[in-house]
N, C-alpha and C. Protein backbone atom coordinates (compact mmCIF):
# COMPACT_ATOMS: atom_id res chain seq x y z
N MET A 1 9.42 11.17 10.70
CA MET A 1 8.91 9.88 10.70
C MET A 1 10.34 8.59 9.45
N ASP A 2 10.38 7.35 10.32
CA ASP A 2 11.20 6.68 9.71
C ASP A 2 10.43 6.10 9.30
N ALA A 3 11.12 4.67 8.48
CA ALA A 3 10.51 3.69 7.32
C ALA A 3 9.56 2.92 8.76
N GLN A 4 9.97 2.32 9.48
CA GLN A 4 9.49 1.52 10.20
C GLN A 4 8.39 1.96 10.96
N GLN A 5 8.22 2.64 10.99
CA GLN A 5 7.00 3.81 11.61
C GLN A 5 5.74 4.10 10.44
N ARG A 6 6.33 4.20 8.94
CA ARG A 6 5.51 4.06 7.74
C ARG A 6 4.88 3.08 7.34
N ILE A 7 4.89 2.59 7.65
CA ILE A 7 5.15 0.93 7.37
C ILE A 7 3.88 0.35 8.19
N ALA A 8 4.42 0.76 9.31
CA ALA A 8 3.40 1.28 10.60
C ALA A 8 2.25 1.54 10.41
N LEU A 9 1.75 2.61 10.35
CA LEU A 9 1.36 3.43 9.79
C LEU A 9 0.05 3.12 8.44
N ILE A 10 0.69 2.81 7.18
CA ILE A 10 0.19 2.28 6.24
C ILE A 10 -0.78 0.37 6.74
N LYS A 11 -0.01 -0.28 7.56
CA LYS A 11 -0.72 -1.47 8.07
C LYS A 11 -1.72 -1.21 8.76
N SER A 12 -2.01 0.47 9.62
CA SER A 12 -2.83 0.05 10.08
C SER A 12 -4.08 0.79 9.23
N ARG A 13 -3.93 1.70 8.31
CA ARG A 13 -5.09 2.31 7.96
C ARG A 13 -5.77 1.52 6.97
N LEU A 14 -4.89 0.60 5.88
CA LEU A 14 -5.32 -0.59 5.23
C LEU A 14 -5.72 -1.63 6.10
N THR A 15 -5.41 -2.06 7.33
CA THR A 15 -5.93 -3.04 8.01
C THR A 15 -7.69 -2.68 8.26
N MET A 16 -7.54 -1.07 8.64
CA MET A 16 -8.94 -0.57 9.01
C MET A 16 -10.17 -0.83 7.87
N ALA A 17 -9.56 -0.22 6.85
CA ALA A 17 -9.92 -0.28 5.67
C ALA A 17 -10.62 -1.13 4.93
N PHE A 18 -9.89 -2.32 5.07
CA PHE A 18 -10.26 -3.43 4.37
C PHE A 18 -10.35 -5.12 5.09
N THR A 19 -10.17 -4.89 6.05
CA THR A 19 -9.88 -6.22 7.10
C THR A 19 -9.31 -7.37 5.95
N PRO A 20 -7.82 -6.99 5.45
CA PRO A 20 -7.40 -7.81 4.71
C PRO A 20 -6.84 -9.40 4.88
N LEU A 21 -7.45 -10.45 4.40
CA LEU A 21 -6.82 -12.08 4.10
C LEU A 21 -5.11 -11.99 4.59
N SER A 22 -4.53 -10.55 3.66
CA SER A 22 -3.24 -11.02 3.47
C SER A 22 -2.78 -9.39 3.15
N LEU A 23 -1.79 -8.71 3.77
CA LEU A 23 -1.18 -7.89 3.80
C LEU A 23 0.19 -7.55 3.56
N ASP A 24 1.20 -7.44 2.77
CA ASP A 24 2.52 -7.16 3.13
C ASP A 24 3.02 -5.82 2.36
N ILE A 25 3.96 -5.47 3.41
CA ILE A 25 4.63 -4.29 3.01
C ILE A 25 5.99 -4.52 2.79
N ILE A 26 6.53 -3.85 1.62
CA ILE A 26 8.22 -4.17 1.84
C ILE A 26 8.66 -2.12 1.44
N ASP A 27 9.65 -2.33 2.42
CA ASP A 27 10.33 -0.84 2.12
C ASP A 27 11.04 -1.04 1.05
N ASP A 28 11.07 -0.18 -0.13
CA ASP A 28 11.83 -0.24 -1.23
C ASP A 28 13.33 1.13 -1.07
N GLY A 29 13.54 2.04 0.05
CA GLY A 29 13.74 3.10 -0.03
C GLY A 29 15.29 2.38 -0.40
N HIS A 30 15.67 1.83 0.10
CA HIS A 30 17.08 1.44 -0.58
C HIS A 30 17.36 1.81 -1.78
N LYS A 31 16.60 1.40 -2.31
CA LYS A 31 16.12 1.11 -4.22
C LYS A 31 16.48 2.37 -4.24
N HIS A 32 16.15 4.08 -3.96
CA HIS A 32 15.97 5.16 -3.87
C HIS A 32 16.94 5.89 -3.16
N VAL A 33 17.90 5.35 -2.77
CA VAL A 33 19.17 6.44 -1.98
C VAL A 33 19.03 7.46 -2.90
N GLY A 34 19.82 8.74 -2.98
CA GLY A 34 19.86 9.80 -3.34
C GLY A 34 18.92 10.30 -4.42
N HIS A 35 17.66 9.75 -4.28
CA HIS A 35 16.54 10.32 -5.01
C HIS A 35 15.93 11.33 -4.73
N ALA A 36 15.46 12.54 -4.70
CA ALA A 36 15.26 13.63 -4.45
C ALA A 36 14.04 12.89 -3.51
N GLY A 37 13.10 12.91 -3.95
CA GLY A 37 11.86 12.31 -3.33
C GLY A 37 12.29 11.26 -1.96
N ALA A 38 13.29 10.37 -1.89
CA ALA A 38 13.54 9.46 -1.02
C ALA A 38 13.61 10.64 0.59
N ARG A 39 13.80 11.89 0.28
CA ARG A 39 13.87 12.56 1.55
C ARG A 39 12.55 13.23 1.94
N GLN A 40 11.93 13.08 1.04
CA GLN A 40 10.27 13.50 1.62
C GLN A 40 9.22 12.67 2.10
N GLY A 41 9.38 11.43 1.96
CA GLY A 41 8.21 10.23 1.99
C GLY A 41 9.40 8.99 1.39
N GLY A 42 8.80 8.24 2.13
CA GLY A 42 9.00 6.84 1.43
C GLY A 42 8.86 6.18 0.52
N HIS A 43 9.32 5.03 -0.19
CA HIS A 43 9.01 4.37 -1.40
C HIS A 43 9.02 2.69 -0.96
N PHE A 44 7.41 1.88 -0.95
CA PHE A 44 6.91 1.69 -0.41
C PHE A 44 6.06 0.46 -1.66
N THR A 45 6.32 -0.95 -1.49
CA THR A 45 5.61 -1.78 -1.98
C THR A 45 4.03 -2.35 -1.22
N VAL A 46 3.19 -2.77 -1.48
CA VAL A 46 2.13 -2.79 -0.80
C VAL A 46 1.46 -4.25 -1.97
N HIS A 47 1.55 -5.59 -1.04
CA HIS A 47 0.54 -6.65 -1.75
C HIS A 47 -0.54 -7.03 -0.67
N ILE A 48 -1.68 -6.25 -1.15
CA ILE A 48 -3.30 -6.95 -0.26
C ILE A 48 -4.12 -7.53 -1.16
N VAL A 49 -4.12 -8.49 -0.17
CA VAL A 49 -5.85 -9.54 -0.45
C VAL A 49 -6.73 -8.99 0.18
N ALA A 50 -7.63 -8.67 -0.24
CA ALA A 50 -9.42 -8.10 0.46
C ALA A 50 -10.35 -8.59 -0.40
N GLU A 51 -11.42 -8.93 0.31
CA GLU A 51 -13.11 -9.32 -0.23
C GLU A 51 -13.43 -7.99 -1.17
N ALA A 52 -12.41 -6.69 -0.31
CA ALA A 52 -13.48 -5.34 -0.79
C ALA A 52 -12.94 -5.22 -2.70
N PHE A 53 -11.84 -6.07 -2.61
CA PHE A 53 -11.65 -5.97 -3.85
C PHE A 53 -12.26 -6.76 -5.84
N THR A 54 -13.29 -7.54 -4.70
CA THR A 54 -13.96 -8.27 -5.70
C THR A 54 -14.90 -7.18 -6.40
N GLY A 55 -14.46 -7.46 -7.92
CA GLY A 55 -15.11 -7.34 -8.75
C GLY A 55 -15.10 -5.57 -8.71
N LYS A 56 -14.01 -4.78 -8.85
CA LYS A 56 -13.43 -3.83 -8.88
C LYS A 56 -12.13 -4.21 -10.06
N SER A 57 -12.12 -2.71 -10.68
CA SER A 57 -11.22 -2.85 -11.47
C SER A 57 -9.81 -2.57 -11.23
N LEU A 58 -8.28 -2.45 -11.55
CA LEU A 58 -7.04 -2.44 -11.24
C LEU A 58 -7.78 -0.49 -10.84
N VAL A 59 -8.02 0.18 -11.77
CA VAL A 59 -7.80 1.80 -11.18
C VAL A 59 -8.64 1.94 -10.27
N GLN A 60 -9.96 0.84 -9.85
CA GLN A 60 -10.90 0.98 -8.11
C GLN A 60 -9.91 0.80 -7.61
N ARG A 61 -8.96 0.02 -7.37
CA ARG A 61 -8.84 -0.80 -6.48
C ARG A 61 -7.54 -0.08 -5.74
N HIS A 62 -7.15 0.59 -7.01
CA HIS A 62 -5.12 1.19 -6.32
C HIS A 62 -6.15 2.57 -5.81
N ARG A 63 -7.26 3.26 -6.70
CA ARG A 63 -8.23 4.23 -5.68
C ARG A 63 -8.48 4.22 -4.26
N MET A 64 -9.22 2.97 -4.21
CA MET A 64 -9.13 2.56 -2.66
C MET A 64 -8.55 2.30 -1.90
N VAL A 65 -7.13 2.12 -2.45
CA VAL A 65 -5.95 2.11 -1.63
C VAL A 65 -5.76 3.46 -1.22
N TYR A 66 -4.99 4.29 -2.10
CA TYR A 66 -4.88 5.51 -1.94
C TYR A 66 -5.93 6.07 -1.11
N GLU A 67 -7.49 5.93 -0.86
CA GLU A 67 -8.25 7.05 -0.24
C GLU A 67 -7.67 6.22 1.22
N ALA A 68 -7.83 5.33 1.32
CA ALA A 68 -7.18 4.81 2.51
C ALA A 68 -6.39 5.24 3.40
N LEU A 69 -5.44 5.31 2.19
CA LEU A 69 -4.22 6.10 2.98
C LEU A 69 -4.10 7.60 3.74
N GLY A 70 -4.81 8.39 2.40
CA GLY A 70 -5.31 9.52 2.84
C GLY A 70 -3.98 10.52 2.85
N ASP A 71 -4.15 11.32 3.63
CA ASP A 71 -3.04 12.17 3.76
C ASP A 71 -1.93 11.95 4.21
N ALA A 72 -1.25 10.68 4.41
CA ALA A 72 -0.17 9.89 4.34
C ALA A 72 0.30 9.80 2.74
N MET A 73 -0.56 10.00 1.42
CA MET A 73 -0.05 9.53 0.43
C MET A 73 0.76 11.19 0.09
N GLN A 74 0.63 12.41 0.66
CA GLN A 74 1.04 13.38 0.43
C GLN A 74 2.26 14.21 1.14
N THR A 75 2.19 13.40 2.43
CA THR A 75 3.54 13.64 3.66
C THR A 75 4.19 12.63 4.09
N GLU A 76 3.69 11.07 3.96
CA GLU A 76 5.05 10.20 4.68
C GLU A 76 5.02 9.38 3.36
N ILE A 77 4.52 8.95 2.31
CA ILE A 77 4.83 8.27 1.18
C ILE A 77 5.06 8.79 -0.15
N HIS A 78 6.33 8.55 -0.75
CA HIS A 78 6.59 9.39 -1.65
C HIS A 78 6.67 8.96 -3.02
N ALA A 79 6.43 7.26 -3.04
CA ALA A 79 5.94 6.48 -4.25
C ALA A 79 5.40 5.20 -3.50
N LEU A 80 3.98 4.36 -4.57
CA LEU A 80 3.92 3.26 -3.84
C LEU A 80 3.60 2.23 -5.07
N SER A 81 4.00 0.94 -4.71
CA SER A 81 3.90 0.21 -5.83
C SER A 81 2.23 -0.83 -5.40
N ILE A 82 1.34 -0.86 -6.00
CA ILE A 82 0.10 -2.04 -5.57
C ILE A 82 0.38 -2.73 -6.03
N LYS A 83 -0.36 -3.64 -5.22
CA LYS A 83 -0.54 -5.33 -6.10
C LYS A 83 -1.79 -5.81 -5.30
N ALA A 84 -3.52 -5.14 -5.62
CA ALA A 84 -4.45 -5.68 -4.78
C ALA A 84 -5.21 -6.66 -5.64
N GLN A 85 -5.69 -7.71 -4.65
CA GLN A 85 -6.14 -8.60 -5.17
C GLN A 85 -7.15 -8.73 -4.62
N SER A 86 -8.81 -9.77 -5.11
CA SER A 86 -9.82 -10.01 -4.44
C SER A 86 -8.95 -11.39 -3.98
N VAL A 87 -9.96 -12.26 -2.83
CA VAL A 87 -9.92 -13.10 -2.42
C VAL A 87 -9.49 -14.35 -3.13
N GLU A 88 -10.50 -14.53 -4.30
CA GLU A 88 -10.54 -14.98 -5.29
C GLU A 88 -9.45 -15.33 -5.99
N GLU A 89 -8.80 -14.56 -6.33
CA GLU A 89 -7.89 -14.18 -7.99
C GLU A 89 -6.76 -14.99 -6.72
N THR A 90 -6.86 -15.22 -5.53
CA THR A 90 -5.37 -15.72 -4.74
C THR A 90 -5.71 -17.58 -4.77
N THR A 91 -7.10 -17.93 -4.65
CA THR A 91 -7.56 -18.92 -4.80
C THR A 91 -7.79 -19.59 -6.36
N LYS A 92 -7.66 -19.31 -7.58
CA LYS A 92 -7.60 -19.94 -8.84
C LYS A 92 -6.72 -20.76 -8.87
N PRO A 93 -6.90 -21.61 -9.34
CA PRO A 93 -5.81 -22.56 -9.88
C PRO A 93 -5.03 -22.31 -11.04
């Protein structure tokens, strides 16, 4: 699976799980060329905004994202940086 297919997989799973207001997925693979894990899965940054994160701690939000990605965390994703916010957090002045 190439990086674009992995991004599509991440987008599909997170969209189904959270119906996000916004979702950005960045391929960070170029930063990890030569790194052993780069051959076994991609490196990505996810910024997601969803109602589901309201009232949840940072750890709870990350666990929710990992759960939504399921087996892809073991096979297609080597490293994932997550910024998960509630809708309210993005609208505060």
